[in-house]
C-alpha atoms as a PDB file:
ATOM      1  CA  MET A   1     127.846-104.166 -46.151  1.00  0.00           C
ATOM      2  CA  MET A   2     124.976-105.402 -47.325  1.00  0.00           C
ATOM      3  CA  TYR A   3     122.530-105.552 -44.874  1.00  0.00           C
ATOM      4  CA  LYS A   4     122.345-102.828 -41.838  1.00  0.00           C
ATOM      5  CA  GLN A   5     120.920-105.591 -39.259  1.00  0.00           C
ATOM      6  CA  VAL A   6     123.630-107.979 -39.924  1.00  0.00           C
ATOM      7  CA  ALA A   7     125.861-105.078 -39.453  1.00  0.00           C
ATOM      8  CA  ASP A   8     124.052-104.028 -36.372  1.00  0.00           C
ATOM      9  CA  ALA A   9     124.332-107.663 -34.917  1.00  0.00           C
ATOM     10  CA  LEU A  10     127.949-108.442 -35.906  1.00  0.00           C
ATOM     11  CA  ARG A  11     129.178-105.078 -34.547  1.00  0.00           C
ATOM     12  CA  PRO A  12     132.045-104.978 -36.861  1.00  0.00           C
ATOM     13  CA  PRO A  13     134.634-101.909 -36.129  1.00  0.00           C
ATOM     14  CA  ARG A  14     133.728 -99.569 -38.934  1.00  0.00           C
ATOM     15  CA  THR A  15     130.497-100.262 -41.492  1.00  0.00           C
ATOM     16  CA  ALA A  16     129.951 -98.330 -45.075  1.00  0.00           C
ATOM     17  CA  TYR A  17     126.697 -99.577 -45.952  1.00  0.00           C
ATOM     18  CA  VAL A  18     124.743 -98.514 -49.207  1.00  0.00           C
ATOM     19  CA  ARG A  19     121.525 -99.861 -50.151  1.00  0.00           C
ATOM     20  CA  PHE A  20     122.792-101.255 -53.674  1.00  0.00           C
ATOM     21  CA  PRO A  21     121.154-104.860 -54.937  1.00  0.00           C
ATOM     22  CA  PHE A  22     122.251-107.868 -53.115  1.00  0.00           C
ATOM     23  CA  GLY A  23     126.068-108.973 -54.274  1.00  0.00           C
ATOM     24  CA  GLN A  24     126.702-106.020 -55.432  1.00  0.00           C
ATOM     25  CA  PRO A  25     128.080-103.718 -52.437  1.00  0.00           C
ATOM     26  CA  LEU A  26     130.245-101.492 -54.927  1.00  0.00           C
ATOM     27  CA  GLY A  27     127.942-100.656 -57.520  1.00  0.00           C
ATOM     28  CA  GLU A  28     126.929-101.908 -61.218  1.00  0.00           C
ATOM     29  CA  PRO A  29     129.358-104.079 -63.380  1.00  0.00           C
ATOM     30  CA  ASP A  30     131.438-101.694 -65.708  1.00  0.00           C
ATOM     31  CA  ASN A  31     130.777 -98.796 -63.523  1.00  0.00           C
ATOM     32  CA  ALA A  32     133.996 -97.593 -62.693  1.00  0.00           C
ATOM     33  CA  ASP A  33     133.037 -93.971 -61.556  1.00  0.00           C
ATOM     34  CA  GLN A  34     130.273 -95.542 -59.201  1.00  0.00           C
ATOM     35  CA  GLN A  35     132.308 -97.964 -57.415  1.00  0.00           C
ATOM     36  CA  ARG A  36     135.285 -95.647 -57.161  1.00  0.00           C
ATOM     37  CA  VAL A  37     132.852 -93.182 -55.477  1.00  0.00           C
ATOM     38  CA  VAL A  38     131.896 -96.504 -53.054  1.00  0.00           C
ATOM     39  CA  VAL A  39     135.442 -97.865 -52.514  1.00  0.00           C
ATOM     40  CA  GLU A  40     136.771 -93.591 -51.670  1.00  0.00           C
ATOM     41  CA  ASP A  41     134.039 -93.240 -49.086  1.00  0.00           C
ATOM     42  CA  ALA A  42     134.572 -96.709 -47.475  1.00  0.00           C
ATOM     43  CA  LEU A  43     138.029 -95.706 -47.244  1.00  0.00           C
ATOM     44  CA  HIS A  44     137.434 -92.499 -46.110  1.00  0.00           C
ATOM     45  CA  LEU A  45     135.737 -94.068 -42.980  1.00  0.00           C
ATOM     46  CA  LEU A  46     138.233 -96.296 -42.252  1.00  0.00           C
ATOM     47  CA  VAL A  47     141.230 -93.544 -42.212  1.00  0.00           C
ATOM     48  CA  ASN A  48     138.929 -91.157 -39.935  1.00  0.00           C
ATOM     49  CA  ALA A  49     136.716 -93.193 -37.596  1.00  0.00           C
ATOM     50  CA  THR A  50     137.505 -92.384 -33.944  1.00  0.00           C
ATOM     51  CA  GLU A  51     135.121 -94.180 -32.231  1.00  0.00           C
ATOM     52  CA  LYS A  52     134.447 -98.562 -32.393  1.00  0.00           C
ATOM     53  CA  GLY A  53     130.679 -99.108 -34.010  1.00  0.00           C
ATOM     54  CA  VAL A  54     130.636 -96.367 -36.426  1.00  0.00           C
ATOM     55  CA  LEU A  55     128.631 -97.534 -39.607  1.00  0.00           C
ATOM     56  CA  LYS A  56     127.676 -94.651 -41.520  1.00  0.00           C
ATOM     57  CA  GLU A  57     124.997 -95.427 -44.563  1.00  0.00           C
ATOM     58  CA  LEU A  58     126.258 -94.011 -47.803  1.00  0.00           C
ATOM     59  CA  PRO A  59     123.747 -91.766 -49.230  1.00  0.00           C
ATOM     60  CA  TYR A  60     124.369 -93.715 -53.055  1.00  0.00           C
ATOM     61  CA  ARG A  61     120.726 -95.275 -54.983  1.00  0.00           C
ATOM     62  CA  TRP A  62     121.064 -97.407 -57.105  1.00  0.00           C
ATOM     63  CA  ARG A  63     121.725 -95.887 -60.897  1.00  0.00           C
ATOM     64  CA  ARG A  64     119.607 -92.494 -60.123  1.00  0.00           C
ATOM     65  CA  GLU A  65     122.935 -90.752 -59.638  1.00  0.00           C
ATOM     66  CA  ASP A  66     125.463 -88.493 -61.571  1.00  0.00           C
ATOM     67  CA  TYR A  67     129.385 -90.173 -60.188  1.00  0.00           C
ATOM     68  CA  ARG A  68     131.373 -88.333 -62.562  1.00  0.00           C
ATOM     69  CA  GLY A  69     130.242 -85.695 -61.403  1.00  0.00           C
ATOM     70  CA  ILE A  70     130.340 -86.488 -58.009  1.00  0.00           C
ATOM     71  CA  ARG A  71     134.369 -87.388 -58.278  1.00  0.00           C
ATOM     72  CA  SER A  72     135.177 -84.243 -60.440  1.00  0.00           C
ATOM     73  CA  GLN A  73     133.294 -82.109 -57.848  1.00  0.00           C
ATOM     74  CA  ARG A  74     135.365 -83.793 -54.806  1.00  0.00           C
ATOM     75  CA  GLY A  75     138.401 -84.638 -56.687  1.00  0.00           C
ATOM     76  CA  ASN A  76     140.365 -86.961 -55.147  1.00  0.00           C
ATOM     77  CA  ILE A  77     139.311 -87.297 -50.904  1.00  0.00           C
ATOM     78  CA  LEU A  78     141.764 -89.603 -50.798  1.00  0.00           C
ATOM     79  CA  ALA A  79     144.695 -87.754 -52.062  1.00  0.00           C
ATOM     80  CA  ALA A  80     144.238 -85.153 -48.889  1.00  0.00           C
ATOM     81  CA  GLU A  81     144.199 -87.657 -46.895  1.00  0.00           C
ATOM     82  CA  THR A  82     147.670 -89.601 -48.054  1.00  0.00           C
ATOM     83  CA  ALA A  83     148.726 -85.408 -47.819  1.00  0.00           C
ATOM     84  CA  VAL A  84     147.898 -85.187 -44.080  1.00  0.00           C
ATOM     85  CA  ALA A  85     149.097 -88.568 -42.827  1.00  0.00           C
ATOM     86  CA  SER A  86     152.514 -88.505 -44.515  1.00  0.00           C
ATOM     87  CA  ASP A  87     153.048 -85.068 -42.562  1.00  0.00           C
ATOM     88  CA  ASP A  88     153.052 -86.808 -39.365  1.00  0.00           C
END
């Protein structure tokens, strides 16, 4: 979601909000690490949000983060969720 005001007005069930330029909600073109981090966080919210109307502001800033470092530090956060879900 690009505009927090729109999310507040529409009240979608889950919203991941980023402060990126309009039209680039996943990040810079050709920056796969940045895009992957944003998508993983959005999917993590989708899986783990337990209440309606959750709005999570992602902490990333345009071109100011080491997205490769973030990915290597946390590993694949979705793999852990998949393993837990398949145990149920």
